[in-house]
Amino acid sequence: MIVDYGRAMAYHKEWEPGFTEVWDITFSESVDVLPTDIGRFKALEEETLELLRGSRTIVIVDRPLIRMPVELYARLMRPLGRDIVPVKTREEAAALLGVSHIPVLTHPV
């Protein structure tokens, strides 16, 4: 499912290389990512490499057991030139973006 959302965002008609995307998964009850899913994520990154060139992904994740796979993913994608940054809070994400706050979704996906 996460791969599908990532693909939809990369191919969205208003997406531009250099954008920063923020994924807030703090509200999720669980994030089901199996070791076999890593290949799907890597394939998506390779498929969308030109579309995502120069972009940055900030992932807000407050639980250590969910944060670890995000950190692993960030390390795996670094050689492809992808900047994936896990943070613990919305405030950290806002500081990275240079804004005062990150809006809270009223209807999380």
C-alpha atoms as a PDB file:
ATOM      1  CA  MET A   1       0.000   0.000   0.000  1.00  0.00           C
ATOM      2  CA  ILE A   2       2.792   2.454   0.874  1.00  0.00           C
ATOM      3  CA  VAL A   3       4.416   1.690  -2.484  1.00  0.00           C
ATOM      4  CA  ASP A   4       1.137   2.515  -4.237  1.00  0.00           C
ATOM      5  CA  TYR A   5       0.905   5.876  -2.439  1.00  0.00           C
ATOM      6  CA  GLY A   6       4.519   6.652  -3.294  1.00  0.00           C
ATOM      7  CA  ARG A   7       3.956   5.843  -6.959  1.00  0.00           C
ATOM      8  CA  ALA A   8       0.781   7.974  -7.054  1.00  0.00           C
ATOM      9  CA  MET A   9       2.651  10.921  -5.570  1.00  0.00           C
ATOM     10  CA  ALA A  10       5.654  10.640  -7.908  1.00  0.00           C
ATOM     11  CA  TYR A  11       3.407  10.477 -10.977  1.00  0.00           C
ATOM     12  CA  HIS A  12       0.966  13.156  -9.814  1.00  0.00           C
ATOM     13  CA  LYS A  13       0.599  15.864 -12.472  1.00  0.00           C
ATOM     14  CA  GLU A  14       1.593  18.590  -9.987  1.00  0.00           C
ATOM     15  CA  TRP A  15       4.696  16.808  -8.653  1.00  0.00           C
ATOM     16  CA  GLU A  16       7.963  18.575  -9.433  1.00  0.00           C
ATOM     17  CA  PRO A  17      11.513  17.312  -8.905  1.00  0.00           C
ATOM     18  CA  GLY A  18      12.997  18.943  -5.834  1.00  0.00           C
ATOM     19  CA  PHE A  19       9.799  18.816  -3.784  1.00  0.00           C
ATOM     20  CA  THR A  20       9.964  17.623  -0.194  1.00  0.00           C
ATOM     21  CA  GLU A  21       7.352  15.098   0.823  1.00  0.00           C
ATOM     22  CA  VAL A  22       6.374  14.501   4.442  1.00  0.00           C
ATOM     23  CA  TRP A  23       4.970  11.174   5.559  1.00  0.00           C
ATOM     24  CA  ASP A  24       3.478  11.282   9.073  1.00  0.00           C
ATOM     25  CA  ILE A  25       2.940   7.755  10.294  1.00  0.00           C
ATOM     26  CA  THR A  26       2.584   8.622  13.973  1.00  0.00           C
ATOM     27  CA  PHE A  27      -1.178   8.106  13.828  1.00  0.00           C
ATOM     28  CA  SER A  28      -0.882   4.610  12.343  1.00  0.00           C
ATOM     29  CA  GLU A  29      -1.738   1.746  14.645  1.00  0.00           C
ATOM     30  CA  SER A  30       0.682  -0.474  12.756  1.00  0.00           C
ATOM     31  CA  VAL A  31       2.917  -0.385   9.735  1.00  0.00           C
ATOM     32  CA  ASP A  32       3.192  -3.780   8.118  1.00  0.00           C
ATOM     33  CA  VAL A  33       6.397  -3.986   6.131  1.00  0.00           C
ATOM     34  CA  LEU A  34       7.907  -7.388   5.505  1.00  0.00           C
ATOM     35  CA  PRO A  35      11.540  -7.974   4.558  1.00  0.00           C
ATOM     36  CA  THR A  36      10.307  -9.035   1.116  1.00  0.00           C
ATOM     37  CA  ASP A  37       8.749  -5.574   0.661  1.00  0.00           C
ATOM     38  CA  ILE A  38      12.169  -3.911   0.600  1.00  0.00           C
ATOM     39  CA  GLY A  39      12.628  -5.080  -2.994  1.00  0.00           C
ATOM     40  CA  ARG A  40       9.323  -3.446  -3.971  1.00  0.00           C
ATOM     41  CA  PHE A  41      10.402  -0.163  -2.364  1.00  0.00           C
ATOM     42  CA  LYS A  42      13.762  -0.272  -4.123  1.00  0.00           C
ATOM     43  CA  ALA A  43      12.088  -1.049  -7.462  1.00  0.00           C
ATOM     44  CA  LEU A  44       9.792   1.958  -6.971  1.00  0.00           C
ATOM     45  CA  GLU A  45      12.752   4.214  -6.212  1.00  0.00           C
ATOM     46  CA  GLU A  46      14.572   3.002  -9.334  1.00  0.00           C
ATOM     47  CA  GLU A  47      11.417   3.451 -11.449  1.00  0.00           C
ATOM     48  CA  THR A  48      10.853   7.005 -10.211  1.00  0.00           C
ATOM     49  CA  LEU A  49      14.501   8.035  -9.895  1.00  0.00           C
ATOM     50  CA  GLU A  50      14.298  10.892 -12.397  1.00  0.00           C
ATOM     51  CA  LEU A  51      10.946  12.103 -11.064  1.00  0.00           C
ATOM     52  CA  LEU A  52      12.298  12.182  -7.513  1.00  0.00           C
ATOM     53  CA  ARG A  53      15.749  13.565  -8.295  1.00  0.00           C
ATOM     54  CA  GLY A  54      16.607  16.333  -5.855  1.00  0.00           C
ATOM     55  CA  SER A  55      13.586  15.652  -3.686  1.00  0.00           C
ATOM     56  CA  ARG A  56      13.633  14.823  -0.015  1.00  0.00           C
ATOM     57  CA  THR A  57      11.357  12.568   2.000  1.00  0.00           C
ATOM     58  CA  ILE A  58      10.788  13.312   5.678  1.00  0.00           C
ATOM     59  CA  VAL A  59       9.147  10.505   7.637  1.00  0.00           C
ATOM     60  CA  ILE A  60       7.672  11.368  11.028  1.00  0.00           C
ATOM     61  CA  VAL A  61       7.809   8.184  13.057  1.00  0.00           C
ATOM     62  CA  ASP A  62       7.685   8.203  16.839  1.00  0.00           C
ATOM     63  CA  ARG A  63       8.000   4.494  17.673  1.00  0.00           C
ATOM     64  CA  PRO A  64      11.434   2.814  17.688  1.00  0.00           C
ATOM     65  CA  LEU A  65      10.286  -0.483  16.144  1.00  0.00           C
ATOM     66  CA  ILE A  66       8.764   1.362  13.207  1.00  0.00           C
ATOM     67  CA  ARG A  67      11.625   3.859  13.007  1.00  0.00           C
ATOM     68  CA  MET A  68      14.238   1.124  12.489  1.00  0.00           C
ATOM     69  CA  PRO A  69      12.903  -0.021   9.076  1.00  0.00           C
ATOM     70  CA  VAL A  70      12.650   3.627   7.982  1.00  0.00           C
ATOM     71  CA  GLU A  71      16.303   4.172   8.933  1.00  0.00           C
ATOM     72  CA  LEU A  72      17.287   1.006   7.044  1.00  0.00           C
ATOM     73  CA  TYR A  73      15.347   2.184   4.005  1.00  0.00           C
ATOM     74  CA  ALA A  74      17.083   5.570   4.182  1.00  0.00           C
ATOM     75  CA  ARG A  75      20.490   3.857   4.162  1.00  0.00           C
ATOM     76  CA  LEU A  76      19.515   1.589   1.255  1.00  0.00           C
ATOM     77  CA  MET A  77      18.276   4.515  -0.851  1.00  0.00           C
ATOM     78  CA  ARG A  78      21.215   6.852  -0.182  1.00  0.00           C
ATOM     79  CA  PRO A  79      23.334   5.317  -3.010  1.00  0.00           C
ATOM     80  CA  LEU A  80      20.467   6.138  -5.409  1.00  0.00           C
ATOM     81  CA  GLY A  81      20.753   9.784  -4.405  1.00  0.00           C
ATOM     82  CA  ARG A  82      17.548   9.773  -2.346  1.00  0.00           C
ATOM     83  CA  ASP A  83      17.460  11.855   0.830  1.00  0.00           C
ATOM     84  CA  ILE A  84      15.137  10.112   3.276  1.00  0.00           C
ATOM     85  CA  VAL A  85      15.129  11.596   6.773  1.00  0.00           C
ATOM     86  CA  PRO A  86      13.357   9.929   9.700  1.00  0.00           C
ATOM     87  CA  VAL A  87      12.347  12.305  12.519  1.00  0.00           C
ATOM     88  CA  LYS A  88      10.467  11.704  15.768  1.00  0.00           C
ATOM     89  CA  THR A  89       8.191  14.744  15.901  1.00  0.00           C
ATOM     90  CA  ARG A  90       6.240  17.162  13.728  1.00  0.00           C
ATOM     91  CA  GLU A  91       8.364  19.935  15.244  1.00  0.00           C
ATOM     92  CA  GLU A  92      11.562  18.297  13.944  1.00  0.00           C
ATOM     93  CA  ALA A  93      10.004  18.005  10.497  1.00  0.00           C
ATOM     94  CA  ALA A  94       8.943  21.656  10.578  1.00  0.00           C
ATOM     95  CA  ALA A  95      12.471  22.712  11.552  1.00  0.00           C
ATOM     96  CA  LEU A  96      13.928  20.766   8.592  1.00  0.00           C
ATOM     97  CA  LEU A  97      11.452  22.492   6.292  1.00  0.00           C
ATOM     98  CA  GLY A  98      12.056  25.918   7.807  1.00  0.00           C
ATOM     99  CA  VAL A  99       8.371  26.388   8.650  1.00  0.00           C
ATOM    100  CA  SER A 100       6.571  27.055  11.922  1.00  0.00           C
ATOM    101  CA  HIS A 101       4.452  23.888  11.887  1.00  0.00           C
ATOM    102  CA  ILE A 102       3.235  20.917   9.881  1.00  0.00           C
ATOM    103  CA  PRO A 103      -0.554  20.963   9.378  1.00  0.00           C
ATOM    104  CA  VAL A 104      -2.416  18.025  10.882  1.00  0.00           C
ATOM    105  CA  LEU A 105      -4.563  16.102   8.422  1.00  0.00           C
ATOM    106  CA  THR A 106      -8.204  16.117   9.437  1.00  0.00           C
ATOM    107  CA  HIS A 107      -8.833  12.917   7.489  1.00  0.00           C
ATOM    108  CA  PRO A 108      -5.689  10.746   7.610  1.00  0.00           C
ATOM    109  CA  VAL A 109      -5.362   8.264   4.781  1.00  0.00           C
END
